[in-house]
Amino acid sequence: MADLFSSPSDIAAEAAADTADTAEPSRRRPRPGERRAQILQALAQMLEQPGSERITTAALARQLQVSEAALYRHFASKAQMYEGLIDFIETSVFTLVRQITAQVEASGSEQAARIVAMLLQFAERNPGMVRVMAGDALVLEHERLQQRMNLFFDKLEAQLRQCLRPMGEVAESAQQAQQTQQQAQVRANVLACFALGRLQRFARSDFKRLPTEHLQASLAALL
């Protein structure tokens, strides 16, 4: 599964060149979108650093050896840069979720376990993104960023609930159907909270406590 993930330094491999704001005449001009990808790559790399403080546009500009004005030619605000990282997270994770749920030979519990495992493996390979997913990097940033990450986990929990809801079974009564639905909801919530807790521990341990630690045994206990 590892080849399906990009590390923060691989968000845009094509953006490896042309880091100066004023390039030498002999150096090629960035392709459309390349500078944006380069900025997001640098932001993700800075978030990877253990103990990193709140990242400012000035620090990001220094990292890229460009002016702050150069950053704002591609992003209207720092919040928009973080939204670019969130877009990457959402696209990567939910593309893989769709692949997992398309595996009809797997039971609902197996699909749910694979979704949680995939999320934590993604996190382990993309530590900079974890600071965004866990919310640490979004403190003091625009509140809509945290709202987007909250919605991300709501969607993830809804997908887990869908996996865990029995399919093709006729309930004996409305009460039994309600109980079955509630059980799926509770199990999905526990799994989502487990995943978020692992992400927070990974970020706040400066990436020392891996999110996949004892993963199979943990999922077996939960499911």
C-alpha atoms as a PDB file:
ATOM      1  CA  MET A   1       0.000   0.000   0.000  1.00  0.00           C
ATOM      2  CA  ALA A   2       2.999   2.301   0.517  1.00  0.00           C
ATOM      3  CA  ASP A   3       3.302   3.204  -3.165  1.00  0.00           C
ATOM      4  CA  LEU A   4      -0.153   4.802  -3.033  1.00  0.00           C
ATOM      5  CA  PHE A   5       1.014   7.480  -0.642  1.00  0.00           C
ATOM      6  CA  SER A   6       3.131  10.572  -1.189  1.00  0.00           C
ATOM      7  CA  SER A   7       5.460  11.834   1.493  1.00  0.00           C
ATOM      8  CA  PRO A   8       5.398  15.594   2.173  1.00  0.00           C
ATOM      9  CA  SER A   9       8.576  15.974   0.155  1.00  0.00           C
ATOM     10  CA  ASP A  10       6.807  14.271  -2.776  1.00  0.00           C
ATOM     11  CA  ILE A  11       3.640  16.375  -2.851  1.00  0.00           C
ATOM     12  CA  ALA A  12       5.029  17.826  -6.064  1.00  0.00           C
ATOM     13  CA  ALA A  13       8.235  16.222  -7.224  1.00  0.00           C
ATOM     14  CA  GLU A  14       8.294  18.391 -10.305  1.00  0.00           C
ATOM     15  CA  ALA A  15       8.741  21.477  -8.103  1.00  0.00           C
ATOM     16  CA  ALA A  16      12.289  20.600  -7.134  1.00  0.00           C
ATOM     17  CA  ALA A  17      13.897  23.316  -9.236  1.00  0.00           C
ATOM     18  CA  ASP A  18      13.624  27.093  -9.561  1.00  0.00           C
ATOM     19  CA  THR A  19      13.463  27.981  -5.867  1.00  0.00           C
ATOM     20  CA  ALA A  20      14.715  31.542  -6.177  1.00  0.00           C
ATOM     21  CA  ASP A  21      12.296  34.425  -6.568  1.00  0.00           C
ATOM     22  CA  THR A  22      14.591  36.005  -9.161  1.00  0.00           C
ATOM     23  CA  ALA A  23      16.010  33.181 -11.213  1.00  0.00           C
ATOM     24  CA  GLU A  24      19.045  33.377 -13.421  1.00  0.00           C
ATOM     25  CA  PRO A  25      18.189  33.999 -17.089  1.00  0.00           C
ATOM     26  CA  SER A  26      19.428  30.522 -18.023  1.00  0.00           C
ATOM     27  CA  ARG A  27      17.060  28.770 -15.610  1.00  0.00           C
ATOM     28  CA  ARG A  28      13.671  27.677 -16.867  1.00  0.00           C
ATOM     29  CA  ARG A  29      10.490  29.369 -15.724  1.00  0.00           C
ATOM     30  CA  PRO A  30       8.153  27.291 -13.523  1.00  0.00           C
ATOM     31  CA  ARG A  31       5.345  25.522 -15.298  1.00  0.00           C
ATOM     32  CA  PRO A  32       1.777  26.638 -14.436  1.00  0.00           C
ATOM     33  CA  GLY A  33       0.950  25.434 -10.947  1.00  0.00           C
ATOM     34  CA  GLU A  34       4.511  24.400 -10.207  1.00  0.00           C
ATOM     35  CA  ARG A  35       5.251  27.288  -7.861  1.00  0.00           C
ATOM     36  CA  ARG A  36       2.041  26.600  -5.917  1.00  0.00           C
ATOM     37  CA  ALA A  37       3.079  22.975  -5.505  1.00  0.00           C
ATOM     38  CA  GLN A  38       6.537  24.073  -4.415  1.00  0.00           C
ATOM     39  CA  ILE A  39       5.058  26.312  -1.711  1.00  0.00           C
ATOM     40  CA  LEU A  40       2.853  23.501  -0.396  1.00  0.00           C
ATOM     41  CA  GLN A  41       5.833  21.144  -0.424  1.00  0.00           C
ATOM     42  CA  ALA A  42       7.890  23.567   1.660  1.00  0.00           C
ATOM     43  CA  LEU A  43       5.025  24.133   4.117  1.00  0.00           C
ATOM     44  CA  ALA A  44       4.595  20.372   4.602  1.00  0.00           C
ATOM     45  CA  GLN A  45       8.347  19.936   5.129  1.00  0.00           C
ATOM     46  CA  MET A  46       8.373  22.669   7.779  1.00  0.00           C
ATOM     47  CA  LEU A  47       5.466  20.977   9.559  1.00  0.00           C
ATOM     48  CA  GLU A  48       7.532  17.779   9.690  1.00  0.00           C
ATOM     49  CA  GLN A  49      10.102  19.358  11.976  1.00  0.00           C
ATOM     50  CA  PRO A  50       9.726  18.161  15.615  1.00  0.00           C
ATOM     51  CA  GLY A  51       8.783  20.985  17.938  1.00  0.00           C
ATOM     52  CA  SER A  52       7.934  23.298  15.071  1.00  0.00           C
ATOM     53  CA  GLU A  53       6.197  26.474  16.166  1.00  0.00           C
ATOM     54  CA  ARG A  54       3.459  28.334  14.331  1.00  0.00           C
ATOM     55  CA  ILE A  55       4.692  28.822  10.789  1.00  0.00           C
ATOM     56  CA  THR A  56       4.628  32.366   9.469  1.00  0.00           C
ATOM     57  CA  THR A  57       4.658  33.439   5.844  1.00  0.00           C
ATOM     58  CA  ALA A  58       7.988  35.166   6.539  1.00  0.00           C
ATOM     59  CA  ALA A  59       9.529  31.857   7.685  1.00  0.00           C
ATOM     60  CA  LEU A  60       8.032  30.042   4.705  1.00  0.00           C
ATOM     61  CA  ALA A  61       9.416  32.672   2.330  1.00  0.00           C
ATOM     62  CA  ARG A  62      12.876  32.257   3.888  1.00  0.00           C
ATOM     63  CA  GLN A  63      12.621  28.495   3.471  1.00  0.00           C
ATOM     64  CA  LEU A  64      11.912  28.973  -0.235  1.00  0.00           C
ATOM     65  CA  GLN A  65      14.352  31.871  -0.607  1.00  0.00           C
ATOM     66  CA  VAL A  66      11.669  34.097  -2.072  1.00  0.00           C
ATOM     67  CA  SER A  67       9.839  37.208  -0.932  1.00  0.00           C
ATOM     68  CA  GLU A  68       6.530  37.098   0.913  1.00  0.00           C
ATOM     69  CA  ALA A  69       5.050  38.946  -2.054  1.00  0.00           C
ATOM     70  CA  ALA A  70       6.008  35.952  -4.210  1.00  0.00           C
ATOM     71  CA  LEU A  71       3.939  33.698  -1.972  1.00  0.00           C
ATOM     72  CA  TYR A  72       0.903  35.947  -2.238  1.00  0.00           C
ATOM     73  CA  ARG A  73       1.060  35.865  -6.022  1.00  0.00           C
ATOM     74  CA  HIS A  74       0.004  32.208  -5.752  1.00  0.00           C
ATOM     75  CA  PHE A  75      -2.065  32.130  -2.549  1.00  0.00           C
ATOM     76  CA  ALA A  76      -4.324  34.879  -1.265  1.00  0.00           C
ATOM     77  CA  SER A  77      -3.497  33.988   2.345  1.00  0.00           C
ATOM     78  CA  LYS A  78      -1.724  31.458   4.531  1.00  0.00           C
ATOM     79  CA  ALA A  79      -5.118  29.899   5.223  1.00  0.00           C
ATOM     80  CA  GLN A  80      -5.400  29.155   1.519  1.00  0.00           C
ATOM     81  CA  MET A  81      -2.042  27.353   1.681  1.00  0.00           C
ATOM     82  CA  TYR A  82      -3.337  25.141   4.476  1.00  0.00           C
ATOM     83  CA  GLU A  83      -6.456  24.514   2.425  1.00  0.00           C
ATOM     84  CA  GLY A  84      -4.178  23.188  -0.305  1.00  0.00           C
ATOM     85  CA  LEU A  85      -2.759  20.648   2.157  1.00  0.00           C
ATOM     86  CA  ILE A  86      -6.263  19.704   3.317  1.00  0.00           C
ATOM     87  CA  ASP A  87      -7.296  19.175  -0.311  1.00  0.00           C
ATOM     88  CA  PHE A  88      -4.367  16.777  -0.686  1.00  0.00           C
ATOM     89  CA  ILE A  89      -5.341  14.889   2.487  1.00  0.00           C
ATOM     90  CA  GLU A  90      -8.995  14.582   1.490  1.00  0.00           C
ATOM     91  CA  THR A  91      -8.262  13.484  -2.058  1.00  0.00           C
ATOM     92  CA  SER A  92      -5.636  10.935  -1.015  1.00  0.00           C
ATOM     93  CA  VAL A  93      -7.604   9.380   1.835  1.00  0.00           C
ATOM     94  CA  PHE A  94     -11.064   9.215   0.277  1.00  0.00           C
ATOM     95  CA  THR A  95      -9.736   7.900  -3.032  1.00  0.00           C
ATOM     96  CA  LEU A  96      -8.318   4.967  -1.070  1.00  0.00           C
ATOM     97  CA  VAL A  97     -11.500   4.630   0.989  1.00  0.00           C
ATOM     98  CA  ARG A  98     -13.445   4.134  -2.241  1.00  0.00           C
ATOM     99  CA  GLN A  99     -10.988   1.463  -3.342  1.00  0.00           C
ATOM    100  CA  ILE A 100     -11.366  -0.377  -0.038  1.00  0.00           C
ATOM    101  CA  THR A 101     -15.173  -0.273  -0.006  1.00  0.00           C
ATOM    102  CA  ALA A 102     -15.213  -1.562  -3.593  1.00  0.00           C
ATOM    103  CA  GLN A 103     -13.685  -4.832  -2.349  1.00  0.00           C
ATOM    104  CA  VAL A 104     -16.987  -6.683  -2.079  1.00  0.00           C
ATOM    105  CA  GLU A 105     -15.320  -9.911  -0.937  1.00  0.00           C
ATOM    106  CA  ALA A 106     -14.345  -8.248   2.362  1.00  0.00           C
ATOM    107  CA  SER A 107     -16.806  -8.111   5.240  1.00  0.00           C
ATOM    108  CA  GLY A 108     -17.937  -4.786   6.658  1.00  0.00           C
ATOM    109  CA  SER A 109     -15.669  -5.177   9.682  1.00  0.00           C
ATOM    110  CA  GLU A 110     -12.708  -5.975   7.440  1.00  0.00           C
ATOM    111  CA  GLN A 111     -13.383  -2.910   5.316  1.00  0.00           C
ATOM    112  CA  ALA A 112     -13.631  -0.709   8.414  1.00  0.00           C
ATOM    113  CA  ALA A 113     -10.358  -2.096   9.765  1.00  0.00           C
ATOM    114  CA  ARG A 114      -8.632  -1.499   6.426  1.00  0.00           C
ATOM    115  CA  ILE A 115      -9.878   2.087   6.299  1.00  0.00           C
ATOM    116  CA  VAL A 116      -8.480   2.858   9.759  1.00  0.00           C
ATOM    117  CA  ALA A 117      -5.202   1.087   8.944  1.00  0.00           C
ATOM    118  CA  MET A 118      -4.903   3.010   5.668  1.00  0.00           C
ATOM    119  CA  LEU A 119      -5.465   6.346   7.432  1.00  0.00           C
ATOM    120  CA  LEU A 120      -2.793   5.628  10.050  1.00  0.00           C
ATOM    121  CA  GLN A 121      -0.334   4.359   7.423  1.00  0.00           C
ATOM    122  CA  PHE A 122      -0.940   7.545   5.427  1.00  0.00           C
ATOM    123  CA  ALA A 123      -0.202   9.544   8.575  1.00  0.00           C
ATOM    124  CA  GLU A 124       2.995   7.652   9.298  1.00  0.00           C
ATOM    125  CA  ARG A 125       4.275   8.373   5.789  1.00  0.00           C
ATOM    126  CA  ASN A 126       3.187  12.023   5.881  1.00  0.00           C
ATOM    127  CA  PRO A 127       4.075  13.375   9.342  1.00  0.00           C
ATOM    128  CA  GLY A 128       3.757  16.992   8.287  1.00  0.00           C
ATOM    129  CA  MET A 129       0.158  16.366   7.269  1.00  0.00           C
ATOM    130  CA  VAL A 130      -0.574  14.897  10.708  1.00  0.00           C
ATOM    131  CA  ARG A 131      -0.126  18.300  12.340  1.00  0.00           C
ATOM    132  CA  VAL A 132      -2.933  19.519  10.079  1.00  0.00           C
ATOM    133  CA  MET A 133      -5.154  16.460  10.604  1.00  0.00           C
ATOM    134  CA  ALA A 134      -4.732  16.563  14.384  1.00  0.00           C
ATOM    135  CA  GLY A 135      -5.394  20.319  14.394  1.00  0.00           C
ATOM    136  CA  ASP A 136      -2.101  21.354  15.998  1.00  0.00           C
ATOM    137  CA  ALA A 137      -0.995  23.371  12.960  1.00  0.00           C
ATOM    138  CA  LEU A 138      -4.387  25.078  12.718  1.00  0.00           C
ATOM    139  CA  VAL A 139      -4.334  26.707  16.169  1.00  0.00           C
ATOM    140  CA  LEU A 140      -4.685  30.481  15.755  1.00  0.00           C
ATOM    141  CA  GLU A 141      -5.343  30.033  12.028  1.00  0.00           C
ATOM    142  CA  HIS A 142      -8.702  30.700  10.374  1.00  0.00           C
ATOM    143  CA  GLU A 143     -11.483  28.720  12.049  1.00  0.00           C
ATOM    144  CA  ARG A 144     -12.759  27.388   8.716  1.00  0.00           C
ATOM    145  CA  LEU A 145      -9.627  25.216   8.489  1.00  0.00           C
ATOM    146  CA  GLN A 146     -10.463  23.357  11.684  1.00  0.00           C
ATOM    147  CA  GLN A 147     -14.071  23.109  10.514  1.00  0.00           C
ATOM    148  CA  ARG A 148     -12.871  21.400   7.340  1.00  0.00           C
ATOM    149  CA  MET A 149     -10.839  18.879   9.310  1.00  0.00           C
ATOM    150  CA  ASN A 150     -13.821  18.268  11.604  1.00  0.00           C
ATOM    151  CA  LEU A 151     -15.910  17.583   8.509  1.00  0.00           C
ATOM    152  CA  PHE A 152     -13.192  15.226   7.224  1.00  0.00           C
ATOM    153  CA  PHE A 153     -13.483  13.070  10.353  1.00  0.00           C
ATOM    154  CA  ASP A 154     -17.292  13.267  10.241  1.00  0.00           C
ATOM    155  CA  LYS A 155     -17.187  11.890   6.683  1.00  0.00           C
ATOM    156  CA  LEU A 156     -14.717   9.210   7.727  1.00  0.00           C
ATOM    157  CA  GLU A 157     -16.939   8.151  10.622  1.00  0.00           C
ATOM    158  CA  ALA A 158     -19.978   8.060   8.318  1.00  0.00           C
ATOM    159  CA  GLN A 159     -18.083   5.772   5.947  1.00  0.00           C
ATOM    160  CA  LEU A 160     -17.095   3.478   8.814  1.00  0.00           C
ATOM    161  CA  ARG A 161     -20.708   3.401   9.985  1.00  0.00           C
ATOM    162  CA  GLN A 162     -21.810   2.421   6.489  1.00  0.00           C
ATOM    163  CA  CYS A 163     -19.289  -0.434   6.464  1.00  0.00           C
ATOM    164  CA  LEU A 164     -20.372  -1.711   9.873  1.00  0.00           C
ATOM    165  CA  ARG A 165     -24.099  -1.611   9.188  1.00  0.00           C
ATOM    166  CA  PRO A 166     -25.319  -5.143   8.304  1.00  0.00           C
ATOM    167  CA  MET A 167     -26.471  -5.402   4.698  1.00  0.00           C
ATOM    168  CA  GLY A 168     -29.050  -7.698   3.212  1.00  0.00           C
ATOM    169  CA  GLU A 169     -30.578  -8.693   6.552  1.00  0.00           C
ATOM    170  CA  VAL A 170     -34.252  -8.235   7.408  1.00  0.00           C
ATOM    171  CA  ALA A 171     -34.751  -6.990  10.942  1.00  0.00           C
ATOM    172  CA  GLU A 172     -37.399  -8.750  13.004  1.00  0.00           C
ATOM    173  CA  SER A 173     -38.741  -5.467  14.325  1.00  0.00           C
ATOM    174  CA  ALA A 174     -38.285  -1.722  14.097  1.00  0.00           C
ATOM    175  CA  GLN A 175     -36.713  -1.824  17.549  1.00  0.00           C
ATOM    176  CA  GLN A 176     -34.146  -4.398  16.445  1.00  0.00           C
ATOM    177  CA  ALA A 177     -33.332  -2.345  13.341  1.00  0.00           C
ATOM    178  CA  GLN A 178     -32.781   0.716  15.525  1.00  0.00           C
ATOM    179  CA  GLN A 179     -30.520  -1.219  17.885  1.00  0.00           C
ATOM    180  CA  THR A 180     -28.468  -2.547  14.964  1.00  0.00           C
ATOM    181  CA  GLN A 181     -28.063   0.967  13.574  1.00  0.00           C
ATOM    182  CA  GLN A 182     -27.030   2.307  16.965  1.00  0.00           C
ATOM    183  CA  GLN A 183     -24.443  -0.445  17.369  1.00  0.00           C
ATOM    184  CA  ALA A 184     -22.907   0.421  14.008  1.00  0.00           C
ATOM    185  CA  GLN A 185     -22.880   4.105  14.968  1.00  0.00           C
ATOM    186  CA  VAL A 186     -21.158   3.422  18.293  1.00  0.00           C
ATOM    187  CA  ARG A 187     -18.524   1.148  16.734  1.00  0.00           C
ATOM    188  CA  ALA A 188     -17.823   3.667  13.977  1.00  0.00           C
ATOM    189  CA  ASN A 189     -17.440   6.453  16.538  1.00  0.00           C
ATOM    190  CA  VAL A 190     -15.020   4.373  18.623  1.00  0.00           C
ATOM    191  CA  LEU A 191     -12.896   3.631  15.545  1.00  0.00           C
ATOM    192  CA  ALA A 192     -12.858   7.280  14.450  1.00  0.00           C
ATOM    193  CA  CYS A 193     -11.871   8.428  17.959  1.00  0.00           C
ATOM    194  CA  PHE A 194      -9.167   5.764  18.079  1.00  0.00           C
ATOM    195  CA  ALA A 195      -7.724   6.982  14.766  1.00  0.00           C
ATOM    196  CA  LEU A 196      -7.801  10.641  15.807  1.00  0.00           C
ATOM    197  CA  GLY A 197      -6.191   9.793  19.139  1.00  0.00           C
ATOM    198  CA  ARG A 198      -3.368   7.972  17.385  1.00  0.00           C
ATOM    199  CA  LEU A 199      -2.807  10.985  15.108  1.00  0.00           C
ATOM    200  CA  GLN A 200      -2.703  13.383  18.061  1.00  0.00           C
ATOM    201  CA  ARG A 201      -0.266  11.170  19.972  1.00  0.00           C
ATOM    202  CA  PHE A 202       1.977  10.898  16.893  1.00  0.00           C
ATOM    203  CA  ALA A 203       2.073  14.684  16.439  1.00  0.00           C
ATOM    204  CA  ARG A 204       2.507  15.541  20.118  1.00  0.00           C
ATOM    205  CA  SER A 205       5.268  13.002  20.644  1.00  0.00           C
ATOM    206  CA  ASP A 206       7.231  14.779  17.888  1.00  0.00           C
ATOM    207  CA  PHE A 207       6.570  11.751  15.667  1.00  0.00           C
ATOM    208  CA  LYS A 208       8.166   9.240  18.062  1.00  0.00           C
ATOM    209  CA  ARG A 209       4.988   7.227  18.889  1.00  0.00           C
ATOM    210  CA  LEU A 210       4.023   5.701  15.562  1.00  0.00           C
ATOM    211  CA  PRO A 211       0.299   5.617  14.774  1.00  0.00           C
ATOM    212  CA  THR A 212       0.560   2.024  13.528  1.00  0.00           C
ATOM    213  CA  GLU A 213       1.986   0.739  16.820  1.00  0.00           C
ATOM    214  CA  HIS A 214       0.313  -2.615  17.668  1.00  0.00           C
ATOM    215  CA  LEU A 215      -2.239  -1.708  15.028  1.00  0.00           C
ATOM    216  CA  GLN A 216      -3.635  -5.145  14.129  1.00  0.00           C
ATOM    217  CA  ALA A 217      -4.015  -6.155  17.768  1.00  0.00           C
ATOM    218  CA  SER A 218      -5.701  -2.839  18.567  1.00  0.00           C
ATOM    219  CA  LEU A 219      -8.170  -3.142  15.697  1.00  0.00           C
ATOM    220  CA  ALA A 220      -8.937  -6.724  16.651  1.00  0.00           C
ATOM    221  CA  ALA A 221      -9.760  -5.597  20.189  1.00  0.00           C
ATOM    222  CA  LEU A 222     -11.999  -2.805  18.920  1.00  0.00           C
ATOM    223  CA  LEU A 223     -13.827  -4.908  16.350  1.00  0.00           C
END
